[in-house]
Each structure stands twice: as structure tokens, then as C-alpha cells.
Amino acid sequence: MTKKDQSGSQEKAKATTITVAQINADRINSLANEYWAPHTASEHAAYNPDIIEDIYFKEIRDPKHTIRRIMMLEFSQYLENYLWPNYKRSTASHAHMMSIVFMLNEKFRERVSVWQCFEENSTEFPAFFQQCLEACLSPAKFTSTYMREQTSLLLFLNHCFNSMEVELCREQAKRLVSLTMWSCLQPRRREQELRAIPEWRKFWKKLQKRDKPEMKDKLEWERHFLQKLMIKFMGILDTVPIEGDVNEDVVRYCERFLELLIDLEALLPTRRFFNTVLDDCHLVVRCHLSNLAKREEGKLFTQVSKSFSFYSIIYTKSLQNTF
């Protein structure tokens, strides 16, 4: 590492380092003492959803100083003592949901315990997970705020899929990647796959009989979720021009999306049925032919895309050899 690189790293570290004096003087510390800090529990003011809105729009969503502000909120135990205990799907705003997502991602970044607070109050987690899925499929906008939120949601999904050993995550994530997701395949393609593996055909028929009529719409939405997410990604990818300015937030979103797909392909519990849907969407080809893959800004995207192609091809071959 050169002296210039070392100097840059030191400056970056200083920028995210928080001193005790800064913590004590910060408005977040004052809000924590008033609403959620453990050492002031006996003096807390009543729950106020406006506080969550204020913190989200002024502290979390602002890209100018997000890392430091989120670190401050994590240090104050904002997620476990205020956000999650007060989450109710019937009343939770978009800001409340996104605040939980950002704070959860920060815990993963800092490599600290993540799922304990959710397991202690798990009744609302399925509703929270559903709210996140619906936000992932919201109509695409190309504002910096929207793309940052979408990228954070992808990161959250990736954390959930990579935490399948946690029952809380497994129960929600497995519904998106089970054999039933083949309902989004073209009938001929699905028949071809089921003909190749008779065991899966038997399982498919059992699952069809098990579906309750009153749950049909919800089940179909879940089974088509990843396909719809891939279609949305390809639509966003197609907006990148071959020349001229490119939205950095769009590039970052595309990179994160491929990272999510790589992990889905690499994990045994998720890749078996997902791989076929992925192939049916022709997403690998679309990535290679995209304008982003031809641009200087797309170097990392291209590298990730090659890794993604490797996983997809290797698994497809191993599946054919197995059966």
C-alpha cells in the first residue's frame, strides 16, 4: 500500500470514528435518553412514531453522513429498544420499515448479534418480511433516495437468505425458493423439468392439492416474487446508456443484485429450484449484453457477472449429472 493509500485509509477511518464527547453532545444521544436508552428506562417518554419519521429523514436517509449517523443509532440500541418493539404492520410507515432494514444491515456490517431481538418478539416478523418484499417490487424510480433504499433492501434479503440456519429467516425465505416457484415457468418448460425428475413431479402434485383456495393470491404472489424481482432488475439495467452520464446509485444497485443472485446460486437450500427460474429469465445473457458491462463504470459489475455465470453453469451441470 502506498503512502497516499495509507493516508486515505486513515482519513476514512477518522471520518467514521466516534468519540465519547461526540456521542454525549449529539442529538441522537438526547433522543435515546428520552425515548429508548436502557439506563433511562424509568423516565422514558411515551412512544411517538413521529420520532422515527424525523430520524429516518434527517439522519438515516441523508447520504451525506449516513454511516456515522447509523453507527450512532446502533450504539444507542435504537433497533432493539425502539424500532422493533414498536413495530406493527398495521401502523408501520415506510420510514419505520426502512429504518429497521438500515439498522439490521449495519449490525451485519459491524458483525454483531443480529437476530436475537427479532427472535424475542417474533410475532411481527412475517408481516415485516412481507412489507420488505412488497417494497422491493415497488415501481422503479431513479432518484438517489429510491435507489439507495432498494439497494439496502437487496442487502437485507441477502442477509436473510444467508441466515437460513435461523428459524425465523428460514420460515420466510424458504417460501420464495421452494418447488412451488416453478409455477412462474412456461408450462412447456415446467413439464420438461418435471419429466426429467419424476420425484419432483410427485411432490409438485402434492403441493398443488395442499393449496387452500383462500390463500391462492398470496401464494402466487410469493411464488412469482423472485421472477418479478429479476424482471425489475433487467428493466433498471436497460436504462444505463452506452455513453454519457450514468447514475452511480443504479450501478451500485445492479452490483448488489448480482451479489444476491450469486449467494442464491451458491446456497444448497436456495439454488435447486431457483436455478431453473433464473435460466428461464435469460438473465445471465442480458447482463453480458448490457451497456453497463461495456462501460468503465461497469468493471465491478462485469467481474461479479462472470462469477455469477460461473456459479450458474456449474450448478446446472451438476444437476444434470445428479439426475
C-alpha atoms as a PDB file:
ATOM      1  CA  MET A   1       0.000   0.000   0.000  1.00  0.00           C
ATOM      2  CA  THR A   2       1.366   3.419  -0.949  1.00  0.00           C
ATOM      3  CA  LYS A   3       1.653   6.367   1.463  1.00  0.00           C
ATOM      4  CA  LYS A   4      -1.208   8.033  -0.387  1.00  0.00           C
ATOM      5  CA  ASP A   5      -3.420   4.953   0.066  1.00  0.00           C
ATOM      6  CA  GLN A   6      -2.472   4.715   3.747  1.00  0.00           C
ATOM      7  CA  SER A   7      -3.282   8.392   4.216  1.00  0.00           C
ATOM      8  CA  GLY A   8      -6.652   7.930   2.518  1.00  0.00           C
ATOM      9  CA  SER A   9      -7.479   4.915   4.682  1.00  0.00           C
ATOM     10  CA  GLN A  10      -6.575   6.809   7.845  1.00  0.00           C
ATOM     11  CA  GLU A  11      -8.755   9.759   6.845  1.00  0.00           C
ATOM     12  CA  LYS A  12     -11.657   7.413   6.097  1.00  0.00           C
ATOM     13  CA  ALA A  13     -11.232   5.708   9.465  1.00  0.00           C
ATOM     14  CA  LYS A  14     -11.199   9.088  11.233  1.00  0.00           C
ATOM     15  CA  ALA A  15     -14.365  10.094   9.392  1.00  0.00           C
ATOM     16  CA  THR A  16     -16.283   7.116  10.817  1.00  0.00           C
ATOM     17  CA  THR A  17     -14.699   7.110  14.291  1.00  0.00           C
ATOM     18  CA  ILE A  18     -16.995   8.384  17.033  1.00  0.00           C
ATOM     19  CA  THR A  19     -15.605   9.808  20.266  1.00  0.00           C
ATOM     20  CA  VAL A  20     -17.323   9.781  23.681  1.00  0.00           C
ATOM     21  CA  ALA A  21     -17.571  13.590  23.593  1.00  0.00           C
ATOM     22  CA  GLN A  22     -19.332  13.455  20.221  1.00  0.00           C
ATOM     23  CA  ILE A  23     -21.779  10.851  21.489  1.00  0.00           C
ATOM     24  CA  ASN A  24     -22.677  12.880  24.577  1.00  0.00           C
ATOM     25  CA  ALA A  25     -23.169  16.078  22.576  1.00  0.00           C
ATOM     26  CA  ASP A  26     -25.184  14.505  19.762  1.00  0.00           C
ATOM     27  CA  ARG A  27     -28.961  14.938  19.339  1.00  0.00           C
ATOM     28  CA  ILE A  28     -29.280  11.179  18.857  1.00  0.00           C
ATOM     29  CA  ASN A  29     -27.948  10.666  22.379  1.00  0.00           C
ATOM     30  CA  SER A  30     -30.505  13.142  23.708  1.00  0.00           C
ATOM     31  CA  LEU A  31     -33.345  11.369  21.873  1.00  0.00           C
ATOM     32  CA  ALA A  32     -32.099   7.992  23.109  1.00  0.00           C
ATOM     33  CA  ASN A  33     -32.081   9.190  26.711  1.00  0.00           C
ATOM     34  CA  GLU A  34     -35.615  10.483  26.297  1.00  0.00           C
ATOM     35  CA  TYR A  35     -37.161   7.537  24.432  1.00  0.00           C
ATOM     36  CA  TRP A  36     -35.213   4.261  24.428  1.00  0.00           C
ATOM     37  CA  ALA A  37     -31.845   4.182  26.269  1.00  0.00           C
ATOM     38  CA  PRO A  38     -31.790   1.289  28.806  1.00  0.00           C
ATOM     39  CA  HIS A  39     -30.285   3.410  31.609  1.00  0.00           C
ATOM     40  CA  THR A  40     -33.191   5.905  31.431  1.00  0.00           C
ATOM     41  CA  ALA A  41     -35.969   3.315  31.095  1.00  0.00           C
ATOM     42  CA  SER A  42     -37.898   4.585  34.117  1.00  0.00           C
ATOM     43  CA  GLU A  43     -38.083   8.101  32.639  1.00  0.00           C
ATOM     44  CA  HIS A  44     -38.935   7.368  29.009  1.00  0.00           C
ATOM     45  CA  ALA A  45     -41.488   9.467  27.196  1.00  0.00           C
ATOM     46  CA  ALA A  46     -44.421   7.682  25.540  1.00  0.00           C
ATOM     47  CA  TYR A  47     -43.815   6.066  22.139  1.00  0.00           C
ATOM     48  CA  ASN A  48     -44.009   8.655  19.375  1.00  0.00           C
ATOM     49  CA  PRO A  49     -43.970   7.469  15.720  1.00  0.00           C
ATOM     50  CA  ASP A  50     -43.014  10.986  14.620  1.00  0.00           C
ATOM     51  CA  ILE A  51     -39.591  10.418  16.211  1.00  0.00           C
ATOM     52  CA  ILE A  52     -38.963   7.526  13.806  1.00  0.00           C
ATOM     53  CA  GLU A  53     -40.025   9.648  10.843  1.00  0.00           C
ATOM     54  CA  ASP A  54     -37.793  12.516  11.954  1.00  0.00           C
ATOM     55  CA  ILE A  55     -34.737  10.301  12.494  1.00  0.00           C
ATOM     56  CA  TYR A  56     -35.210   8.499   9.196  1.00  0.00           C
ATOM     57  CA  PHE A  57     -35.496  11.594   7.043  1.00  0.00           C
ATOM     58  CA  LYS A  58     -32.847  13.649   8.857  1.00  0.00           C
ATOM     59  CA  GLU A  59     -30.305  11.013   9.867  1.00  0.00           C
ATOM     60  CA  ILE A  60     -30.643   7.688   8.064  1.00  0.00           C
ATOM     61  CA  ARG A  61     -31.815   8.648   4.582  1.00  0.00           C
ATOM     62  CA  ASP A  62     -29.382  11.564   4.185  1.00  0.00           C
ATOM     63  CA  PRO A  63     -26.428  10.200   2.143  1.00  0.00           C
ATOM     64  CA  LYS A  64     -24.077  12.983   3.316  1.00  0.00           C
ATOM     65  CA  HIS A  65     -23.345  11.450   6.706  1.00  0.00           C
ATOM     66  CA  THR A  66     -25.253   8.164   6.771  1.00  0.00           C
ATOM     67  CA  ILE A  67     -22.507   5.831   8.063  1.00  0.00           C
ATOM     68  CA  ARG A  68     -21.643   7.896  11.112  1.00  0.00           C
ATOM     69  CA  ARG A  69     -25.277   8.612  11.968  1.00  0.00           C
ATOM     70  CA  ILE A  70     -26.304   4.959  11.649  1.00  0.00           C
ATOM     71  CA  MET A  71     -23.331   3.975  13.811  1.00  0.00           C
ATOM     72  CA  MET A  72     -24.574   6.401  16.447  1.00  0.00           C
ATOM     73  CA  LEU A  73     -28.059   4.913  16.291  1.00  0.00           C
ATOM     74  CA  GLU A  74     -26.694   1.379  16.524  1.00  0.00           C
ATOM     75  CA  PHE A  75     -24.580   2.329  19.549  1.00  0.00           C
ATOM     76  CA  SER A  76     -27.713   3.706  21.236  1.00  0.00           C
ATOM     77  CA  GLN A  77     -29.587   0.382  20.649  1.00  0.00           C
ATOM     78  CA  TYR A  78     -32.189   2.114  18.503  1.00  0.00           C
ATOM     79  CA  LEU A  79     -33.253  -1.084  16.717  1.00  0.00           C
ATOM     80  CA  GLU A  80     -33.749  -3.379  19.701  1.00  0.00           C
ATOM     81  CA  ASN A  81     -35.174  -0.817  22.122  1.00  0.00           C
ATOM     82  CA  TYR A  82     -37.380   1.381  19.926  1.00  0.00           C
ATOM     83  CA  LEU A  83     -37.826   0.346  16.309  1.00  0.00           C
ATOM     84  CA  TRP A  84     -38.620  -3.337  16.683  1.00  0.00           C
ATOM     85  CA  PRO A  85     -40.590  -3.305  19.983  1.00  0.00           C
ATOM     86  CA  ASN A  86     -42.929  -0.712  18.449  1.00  0.00           C
ATOM     87  CA  TYR A  87     -43.291  -2.283  15.006  1.00  0.00           C
ATOM     88  CA  LYS A  88     -46.839  -3.201  13.992  1.00  0.00           C
ATOM     89  CA  ARG A  89     -47.570  -3.843  10.332  1.00  0.00           C
ATOM     90  CA  SER A  90     -50.990  -2.229  10.640  1.00  0.00           C
ATOM     91  CA  THR A  91     -49.438   1.099  11.654  1.00  0.00           C
ATOM     92  CA  ALA A  92     -45.800   0.896  10.487  1.00  0.00           C
ATOM     93  CA  SER A  93     -44.838   3.514   7.917  1.00  0.00           C
ATOM     94  CA  HIS A  94     -42.367   3.088   5.083  1.00  0.00           C
ATOM     95  CA  ALA A  95     -39.825   5.043   7.157  1.00  0.00           C
ATOM     96  CA  HIS A  96     -40.290   2.670  10.105  1.00  0.00           C
ATOM     97  CA  MET A  97     -39.753  -0.387   7.910  1.00  0.00           C
ATOM     98  CA  MET A  98     -36.730   1.087   6.132  1.00  0.00           C
ATOM     99  CA  SER A  99     -35.200   2.207   9.441  1.00  0.00           C
ATOM    100  CA  ILE A 100     -35.244  -1.420  10.619  1.00  0.00           C
ATOM    101  CA  VAL A 101     -33.659  -2.544   7.336  1.00  0.00           C
ATOM    102  CA  PHE A 102     -30.845   0.011   7.552  1.00  0.00           C
ATOM    103  CA  MET A 103     -30.157  -0.796  11.205  1.00  0.00           C
ATOM    104  CA  LEU A 104     -30.161  -4.543  10.585  1.00  0.00           C
ATOM    105  CA  ASN A 105     -27.695  -4.104   7.711  1.00  0.00           C
ATOM    106  CA  GLU A 106     -25.486  -2.014   9.990  1.00  0.00           C
ATOM    107  CA  LYS A 107     -25.414  -4.807  12.565  1.00  0.00           C
ATOM    108  CA  PHE A 108     -24.219  -7.205   9.876  1.00  0.00           C
ATOM    109  CA  ARG A 109     -21.580  -4.683   8.788  1.00  0.00           C
ATOM    110  CA  GLU A 110     -20.312  -4.434  12.354  1.00  0.00           C
ATOM    111  CA  ARG A 111     -20.552  -8.229  12.766  1.00  0.00           C
ATOM    112  CA  VAL A 112     -22.551  -8.128  15.965  1.00  0.00           C
ATOM    113  CA  SER A 113     -25.538 -10.231  17.077  1.00  0.00           C
ATOM    114  CA  VAL A 114     -28.449  -9.537  14.731  1.00  0.00           C
ATOM    115  CA  TRP A 115     -31.412 -11.845  15.122  1.00  0.00           C
ATOM    116  CA  GLN A 116     -31.765 -12.022  18.897  1.00  0.00           C
ATOM    117  CA  CYS A 117     -34.068  -9.008  19.230  1.00  0.00           C
ATOM    118  CA  PHE A 118     -36.314 -10.350  16.437  1.00  0.00           C
ATOM    119  CA  GLU A 119     -36.479 -13.826  17.994  1.00  0.00           C
ATOM    120  CA  GLU A 120     -37.540 -12.391  21.346  1.00  0.00           C
ATOM    121  CA  ASN A 121     -40.501 -10.670  19.671  1.00  0.00           C
ATOM    122  CA  SER A 122     -41.044 -12.748  16.555  1.00  0.00           C
ATOM    123  CA  THR A 123     -44.794 -12.459  16.015  1.00  0.00           C
ATOM    124  CA  GLU A 124     -44.491  -9.428  13.714  1.00  0.00           C
ATOM    125  CA  PHE A 125     -41.513 -10.678  11.707  1.00  0.00           C
ATOM    126  CA  PRO A 126     -43.543 -12.406   8.933  1.00  0.00           C
ATOM    127  CA  ALA A 127     -45.503  -9.175   8.385  1.00  0.00           C
ATOM    128  CA  PHE A 128     -42.295  -7.130   8.391  1.00  0.00           C
ATOM    129  CA  PHE A 129     -40.685  -9.508   5.880  1.00  0.00           C
ATOM    130  CA  GLN A 130     -43.740  -9.227   3.631  1.00  0.00           C
ATOM    131  CA  GLN A 131     -43.620  -5.435   3.804  1.00  0.00           C
ATOM    132  CA  CYS A 132     -39.968  -5.547   2.706  1.00  0.00           C
ATOM    133  CA  LEU A 133     -40.803  -7.847  -0.219  1.00  0.00           C
ATOM    134  CA  GLU A 134     -43.557  -5.515  -1.382  1.00  0.00           C
ATOM    135  CA  ALA A 135     -41.157  -2.559  -1.195  1.00  0.00           C
ATOM    136  CA  CYS A 136     -38.659  -4.478  -3.350  1.00  0.00           C
ATOM    137  CA  LEU A 137     -41.235  -4.670  -6.145  1.00  0.00           C
ATOM    138  CA  SER A 138     -42.390  -1.061  -5.944  1.00  0.00           C
ATOM    139  CA  PRO A 139     -42.373   0.785  -9.312  1.00  0.00           C
ATOM    140  CA  ALA A 140     -38.840   1.813 -10.253  1.00  0.00           C
ATOM    141  CA  LYS A 141     -37.758   5.417  -9.766  1.00  0.00           C
ATOM    142  CA  PHE A 142     -34.292   6.758 -10.398  1.00  0.00           C
ATOM    143  CA  THR A 143     -33.840   9.196  -7.563  1.00  0.00           C
ATOM    144  CA  SER A 144     -30.806   8.754  -5.321  1.00  0.00           C
ATOM    145  CA  THR A 145     -33.041   8.095  -2.307  1.00  0.00           C
ATOM    146  CA  TYR A 146     -35.114   5.407  -4.017  1.00  0.00           C
ATOM    147  CA  MET A 147     -32.107   3.536  -5.389  1.00  0.00           C
ATOM    148  CA  ARG A 148     -30.327   3.635  -2.012  1.00  0.00           C
ATOM    149  CA  GLU A 149     -33.414   2.175  -0.358  1.00  0.00           C
ATOM    150  CA  GLN A 150     -33.720  -0.545  -2.986  1.00  0.00           C
ATOM    151  CA  THR A 151     -30.054  -1.449  -2.606  1.00  0.00           C
ATOM    152  CA  SER A 152     -30.490  -1.693   1.169  1.00  0.00           C
ATOM    153  CA  LEU A 153     -33.497  -3.955   0.687  1.00  0.00           C
ATOM    154  CA  LEU A 154     -31.431  -6.257  -1.542  1.00  0.00           C
ATOM    155  CA  LEU A 155     -28.753  -6.376   1.137  1.00  0.00           C
ATOM    156  CA  PHE A 156     -31.410  -7.237   3.731  1.00  0.00           C
ATOM    157  CA  LEU A 157     -32.748 -10.069   1.551  1.00  0.00           C
ATOM    158  CA  ASN A 158     -29.244 -11.413   1.092  1.00  0.00           C
ATOM    159  CA  HIS A 159     -28.694 -11.421   4.863  1.00  0.00           C
ATOM    160  CA  CYS A 160     -31.933 -13.350   5.322  1.00  0.00           C
ATOM    161  CA  PHE A 161     -31.048 -15.971   2.714  1.00  0.00           C
ATOM    162  CA  ASN A 162     -27.589 -16.327   4.254  1.00  0.00           C
ATOM    163  CA  SER A 163     -29.151 -16.851   7.693  1.00  0.00           C
ATOM    164  CA  MET A 164     -31.200 -19.925   6.824  1.00  0.00           C
ATOM    165  CA  GLU A 165     -29.867 -21.619   9.942  1.00  0.00           C
ATOM    166  CA  VAL A 166     -32.009 -19.151  11.904  1.00  0.00           C
ATOM    167  CA  GLU A 167     -35.568 -20.499  12.029  1.00  0.00           C
ATOM    168  CA  LEU A 168     -37.050 -17.013  11.865  1.00  0.00           C
ATOM    169  CA  CYS A 169     -35.398 -16.374   8.485  1.00  0.00           C
ATOM    170  CA  ARG A 170     -35.753 -19.900   7.172  1.00  0.00           C
ATOM    171  CA  GLU A 171     -39.531 -19.931   7.600  1.00  0.00           C
ATOM    172  CA  GLN A 172     -39.892 -16.780   5.497  1.00  0.00           C
ATOM    173  CA  ALA A 173     -37.162 -17.289   2.908  1.00  0.00           C
ATOM    174  CA  LYS A 174     -37.915 -20.906   2.009  1.00  0.00           C
ATOM    175  CA  ARG A 175     -41.374 -19.923   0.724  1.00  0.00           C
ATOM    176  CA  LEU A 176     -39.693 -17.912  -2.036  1.00  0.00           C
ATOM    177  CA  VAL A 177     -37.384 -20.666  -3.312  1.00  0.00           C
ATOM    178  CA  SER A 178     -39.316 -23.924  -2.960  1.00  0.00           C
ATOM    179  CA  LEU A 179     -40.503 -26.102  -5.846  1.00  0.00           C
ATOM    180  CA  THR A 180     -43.735 -24.105  -5.988  1.00  0.00           C
ATOM    181  CA  MET A 181     -41.835 -21.185  -7.536  1.00  0.00           C
ATOM    182  CA  TRP A 182     -41.906 -23.198 -10.771  1.00  0.00           C
ATOM    183  CA  SER A 183     -45.481 -22.008 -11.193  1.00  0.00           C
ATOM    184  CA  CYS A 184     -43.957 -18.939 -12.872  1.00  0.00           C
ATOM    185  CA  LEU A 185     -42.332 -21.077 -15.589  1.00  0.00           C
ATOM    186  CA  GLN A 186     -43.887 -21.505 -19.007  1.00  0.00           C
ATOM    187  CA  PRO A 187     -46.000 -24.723 -18.973  1.00  0.00           C
ATOM    188  CA  ARG A 188     -43.783 -26.475 -21.534  1.00  0.00           C
ATOM    189  CA  ARG A 189     -40.607 -25.625 -19.628  1.00  0.00           C
ATOM    190  CA  ARG A 190     -42.124 -26.804 -16.349  1.00  0.00           C
ATOM    191  CA  GLU A 191     -43.305 -30.050 -17.939  1.00  0.00           C
ATOM    192  CA  GLN A 192     -39.830 -30.626 -19.351  1.00  0.00           C
ATOM    193  CA  GLU A 193     -38.239 -30.199 -15.930  1.00  0.00           C
ATOM    194  CA  LEU A 194     -40.787 -32.414 -14.154  1.00  0.00           C
ATOM    195  CA  ARG A 195     -40.448 -35.126 -16.807  1.00  0.00           C
ATOM    196  CA  ALA A 196     -36.708 -35.230 -16.217  1.00  0.00           C
ATOM    197  CA  ILE A 197     -37.098 -35.778 -12.461  1.00  0.00           C
ATOM    198  CA  PRO A 198     -40.160 -37.945 -11.589  1.00  0.00           C
ATOM    199  CA  GLU A 199     -39.679 -37.419  -7.836  1.00  0.00           C
ATOM    200  CA  TRP A 200     -40.328 -33.712  -8.268  1.00  0.00           C
ATOM    201  CA  ARG A 201     -43.497 -34.386 -10.297  1.00  0.00           C
ATOM    202  CA  LYS A 202     -44.934 -36.351  -7.366  1.00  0.00           C
ATOM    203  CA  PHE A 203     -44.010 -33.572  -4.988  1.00  0.00           C
ATOM    204  CA  TRP A 204     -45.492 -30.970  -7.360  1.00  0.00           C
ATOM    205  CA  LYS A 205     -48.865 -32.773  -7.420  1.00  0.00           C
ATOM    206  CA  LYS A 206     -48.916 -32.994  -3.612  1.00  0.00           C
ATOM    207  CA  LEU A 207     -48.225 -29.276  -3.296  1.00  0.00           C
ATOM    208  CA  GLN A 208     -50.994 -28.446  -5.764  1.00  0.00           C
ATOM    209  CA  LYS A 209     -53.515 -30.393  -3.682  1.00  0.00           C
ATOM    210  CA  ARG A 210     -52.296 -28.787  -0.456  1.00  0.00           C
ATOM    211  CA  ASP A 211     -53.026 -25.206  -1.560  1.00  0.00           C
ATOM    212  CA  LYS A 212     -56.007 -23.575   0.145  1.00  0.00           C
ATOM    213  CA  PRO A 213     -58.299 -21.571  -2.197  1.00  0.00           C
ATOM    214  CA  GLU A 214     -58.440 -18.590   0.165  1.00  0.00           C
ATOM    215  CA  MET A 215     -54.609 -18.395   0.133  1.00  0.00           C
ATOM    216  CA  LYS A 216     -54.231 -18.634  -3.647  1.00  0.00           C
ATOM    217  CA  ASP A 217     -53.465 -14.962  -4.350  1.00  0.00           C
ATOM    218  CA  LYS A 218     -50.896 -14.693  -1.545  1.00  0.00           C
ATOM    219  CA  LEU A 219     -49.186 -17.951  -2.528  1.00  0.00           C
ATOM    220  CA  GLU A 220     -48.995 -16.982  -6.191  1.00  0.00           C
ATOM    221  CA  TRP A 221     -47.501 -13.601  -5.269  1.00  0.00           C
ATOM    222  CA  GLU A 222     -44.764 -15.282  -3.211  1.00  0.00           C
ATOM    223  CA  ARG A 223     -44.010 -17.844  -5.921  1.00  0.00           C
ATOM    224  CA  HIS A 224     -43.572 -15.149  -8.546  1.00  0.00           C
ATOM    225  CA  PHE A 225     -41.597 -12.778  -6.329  1.00  0.00           C
ATOM    226  CA  LEU A 226     -38.050 -13.623  -7.436  1.00  0.00           C
ATOM    227  CA  GLN A 227     -39.057 -13.757 -11.092  1.00  0.00           C
ATOM    228  CA  LYS A 228     -40.661 -10.309 -10.801  1.00  0.00           C
ATOM    229  CA  LEU A 229     -37.597  -9.009  -8.980  1.00  0.00           C
ATOM    230  CA  MET A 230     -35.338 -10.230 -11.794  1.00  0.00           C
ATOM    231  CA  ILE A 231     -37.596  -8.623 -14.399  1.00  0.00           C
ATOM    232  CA  LYS A 232     -37.456  -5.357 -12.472  1.00  0.00           C
ATOM    233  CA  PHE A 233     -33.650  -5.587 -12.292  1.00  0.00           C
ATOM    234  CA  MET A 234     -33.369  -6.133 -16.044  1.00  0.00           C
ATOM    235  CA  GLY A 235     -35.597  -3.114 -16.633  1.00  0.00           C
ATOM    236  CA  ILE A 236     -33.338  -0.954 -14.448  1.00  0.00           C
ATOM    237  CA  LEU A 237     -30.216  -2.380 -16.118  1.00  0.00           C
ATOM    238  CA  ASP A 238     -31.585  -1.459 -19.541  1.00  0.00           C
ATOM    239  CA  THR A 239     -31.778   2.224 -18.540  1.00  0.00           C
ATOM    240  CA  VAL A 240     -27.963   2.514 -18.416  1.00  0.00           C
ATOM    241  CA  PRO A 241     -26.857   4.272 -21.632  1.00  0.00           C
ATOM    242  CA  ILE A 242     -23.866   3.149 -23.680  1.00  0.00           C
ATOM    243  CA  GLU A 243     -22.405   6.674 -23.412  1.00  0.00           C
ATOM    244  CA  GLY A 244     -22.904   9.749 -21.274  1.00  0.00           C
ATOM    245  CA  ASP A 245     -23.656  10.114 -17.595  1.00  0.00           C
ATOM    246  CA  VAL A 246     -24.676   7.107 -15.559  1.00  0.00           C
ATOM    247  CA  ASN A 247     -26.449   7.086 -12.206  1.00  0.00           C
ATOM    248  CA  GLU A 248     -23.945   5.738  -9.638  1.00  0.00           C
ATOM    249  CA  ASP A 249     -26.795   4.514  -7.443  1.00  0.00           C
ATOM    250  CA  VAL A 250     -28.149   2.440 -10.332  1.00  0.00           C
ATOM    251  CA  VAL A 251     -24.727   0.878 -10.853  1.00  0.00           C
ATOM    252  CA  ARG A 252     -24.473   0.036  -7.147  1.00  0.00           C
ATOM    253  CA  TYR A 253     -27.954  -1.490  -7.205  1.00  0.00           C
ATOM    254  CA  CYS A 254     -27.022  -3.698 -10.171  1.00  0.00           C
ATOM    255  CA  GLU A 255     -23.850  -4.869  -8.442  1.00  0.00           C
ATOM    256  CA  ARG A 256     -25.729  -5.727  -5.251  1.00  0.00           C
ATOM    257  CA  PHE A 257     -28.407  -7.546  -7.212  1.00  0.00           C
ATOM    258  CA  LEU A 258     -25.869  -9.865  -8.816  1.00  0.00           C
ATOM    259  CA  GLU A 259     -24.299 -10.489  -5.400  1.00  0.00           C
ATOM    260  CA  LEU A 260     -27.723 -11.601  -4.174  1.00  0.00           C
ATOM    261  CA  LEU A 261     -28.102 -13.985  -7.117  1.00  0.00           C
ATOM    262  CA  ILE A 262     -24.614 -15.402  -6.583  1.00  0.00           C
ATOM    263  CA  ASP A 263     -25.482 -16.259  -2.997  1.00  0.00           C
ATOM    264  CA  LEU A 264     -28.786 -17.809  -4.067  1.00  0.00           C
ATOM    265  CA  GLU A 265     -26.871 -19.976  -6.522  1.00  0.00           C
ATOM    266  CA  ALA A 266     -24.172 -20.871  -4.003  1.00  0.00           C
ATOM    267  CA  LEU A 267     -26.521 -21.958  -1.206  1.00  0.00           C
ATOM    268  CA  LEU A 268     -27.860 -25.513  -1.401  1.00  0.00           C
ATOM    269  CA  PRO A 269     -31.275 -24.714   0.185  1.00  0.00           C
ATOM    270  CA  THR A 270     -31.993 -21.951  -2.339  1.00  0.00           C
ATOM    271  CA  ARG A 271     -30.410 -22.850  -5.651  1.00  0.00           C
ATOM    272  CA  ARG A 272     -32.097 -26.145  -6.606  1.00  0.00           C
ATOM    273  CA  PHE A 273     -35.354 -24.683  -7.947  1.00  0.00           C
ATOM    274  CA  PHE A 274     -34.258 -21.083  -8.310  1.00  0.00           C
ATOM    275  CA  ASN A 275     -31.639 -22.019 -10.909  1.00  0.00           C
ATOM    276  CA  THR A 276     -34.314 -23.127 -13.378  1.00  0.00           C
ATOM    277  CA  VAL A 277     -36.295 -19.892 -12.988  1.00  0.00           C
ATOM    278  CA  LEU A 278     -33.079 -17.916 -13.396  1.00  0.00           C
ATOM    279  CA  ASP A 279     -32.287 -19.747 -16.628  1.00  0.00           C
ATOM    280  CA  ASP A 280     -35.838 -19.214 -17.880  1.00  0.00           C
ATOM    281  CA  CYS A 281     -35.414 -15.424 -17.455  1.00  0.00           C
ATOM    282  CA  HIS A 282     -32.195 -15.399 -19.571  1.00  0.00           C
ATOM    283  CA  LEU A 283     -30.729 -13.019 -17.021  1.00  0.00           C
ATOM    284  CA  VAL A 284     -27.113 -14.092 -17.483  1.00  0.00           C
ATOM    285  CA  VAL A 285     -27.223 -13.267 -21.194  1.00  0.00           C
ATOM    286  CA  ARG A 286     -28.899  -9.927 -20.534  1.00  0.00           C
ATOM    287  CA  CYS A 287     -26.116  -8.986 -18.116  1.00  0.00           C
ATOM    288  CA  HIS A 288     -23.370  -9.843 -20.595  1.00  0.00           C
ATOM    289  CA  LEU A 289     -25.057  -7.879 -23.393  1.00  0.00           C
ATOM    290  CA  SER A 290     -25.924  -4.865 -21.239  1.00  0.00           C
ATOM    291  CA  ASN A 291     -24.479  -1.393 -21.797  1.00  0.00           C
ATOM    292  CA  LEU A 292     -23.170  -1.379 -18.229  1.00  0.00           C
ATOM    293  CA  ALA A 293     -20.906  -4.338 -18.997  1.00  0.00           C
ATOM    294  CA  LYS A 294     -19.294  -2.247 -21.772  1.00  0.00           C
ATOM    295  CA  ARG A 295     -18.668   0.863 -19.668  1.00  0.00           C
ATOM    296  CA  GLU A 296     -15.742   1.831 -17.452  1.00  0.00           C
ATOM    297  CA  GLU A 297     -18.155   2.194 -14.523  1.00  0.00           C
ATOM    298  CA  GLY A 298     -19.238  -1.407 -15.067  1.00  0.00           C
ATOM    299  CA  LYS A 299     -15.905  -3.090 -14.325  1.00  0.00           C
ATOM    300  CA  LEU A 300     -17.014  -4.438 -10.965  1.00  0.00           C
ATOM    301  CA  PHE A 301     -20.423  -5.345 -12.393  1.00  0.00           C
ATOM    302  CA  THR A 302     -18.693  -7.330 -15.154  1.00  0.00           C
ATOM    303  CA  GLN A 303     -16.471  -9.153 -12.641  1.00  0.00           C
ATOM    304  CA  VAL A 304     -19.465 -10.048 -10.489  1.00  0.00           C
ATOM    305  CA  SER A 305     -21.391 -11.061 -13.605  1.00  0.00           C
ATOM    306  CA  LYS A 306     -18.628 -13.511 -14.585  1.00  0.00           C
ATOM    307  CA  SER A 307     -18.687 -15.059 -11.113  1.00  0.00           C
ATOM    308  CA  PHE A 308     -22.454 -15.283 -11.334  1.00  0.00           C
ATOM    309  CA  SER A 309     -22.229 -17.044 -14.716  1.00  0.00           C
ATOM    310  CA  PHE A 310     -19.705 -19.500 -13.264  1.00  0.00           C
ATOM    311  CA  TYR A 311     -21.998 -20.491 -10.400  1.00  0.00           C
ATOM    312  CA  SER A 312     -24.996 -20.808 -12.705  1.00  0.00           C
ATOM    313  CA  ILE A 313     -23.205 -23.012 -15.255  1.00  0.00           C
ATOM    314  CA  ILE A 314     -21.510 -25.216 -12.637  1.00  0.00           C
ATOM    315  CA  TYR A 315     -24.752 -25.877 -10.803  1.00  0.00           C
ATOM    316  CA  THR A 316     -26.719 -26.589 -13.994  1.00  0.00           C
ATOM    317  CA  LYS A 317     -24.137 -29.206 -14.992  1.00  0.00           C
ATOM    318  CA  SER A 318     -24.033 -30.768 -11.524  1.00  0.00           C
ATOM    319  CA  LEU A 319     -27.826 -31.019 -11.544  1.00  0.00           C
ATOM    320  CA  GLN A 320     -27.820 -32.784 -14.902  1.00  0.00           C
ATOM    321  CA  ASN A 321     -25.168 -35.233 -13.707  1.00  0.00           C
ATOM    322  CA  THR A 322     -27.081 -35.936 -10.500  1.00  0.00           C
ATOM    323  CA  PHE A 323     -30.308 -36.874 -12.198  1.00  0.00           C
END
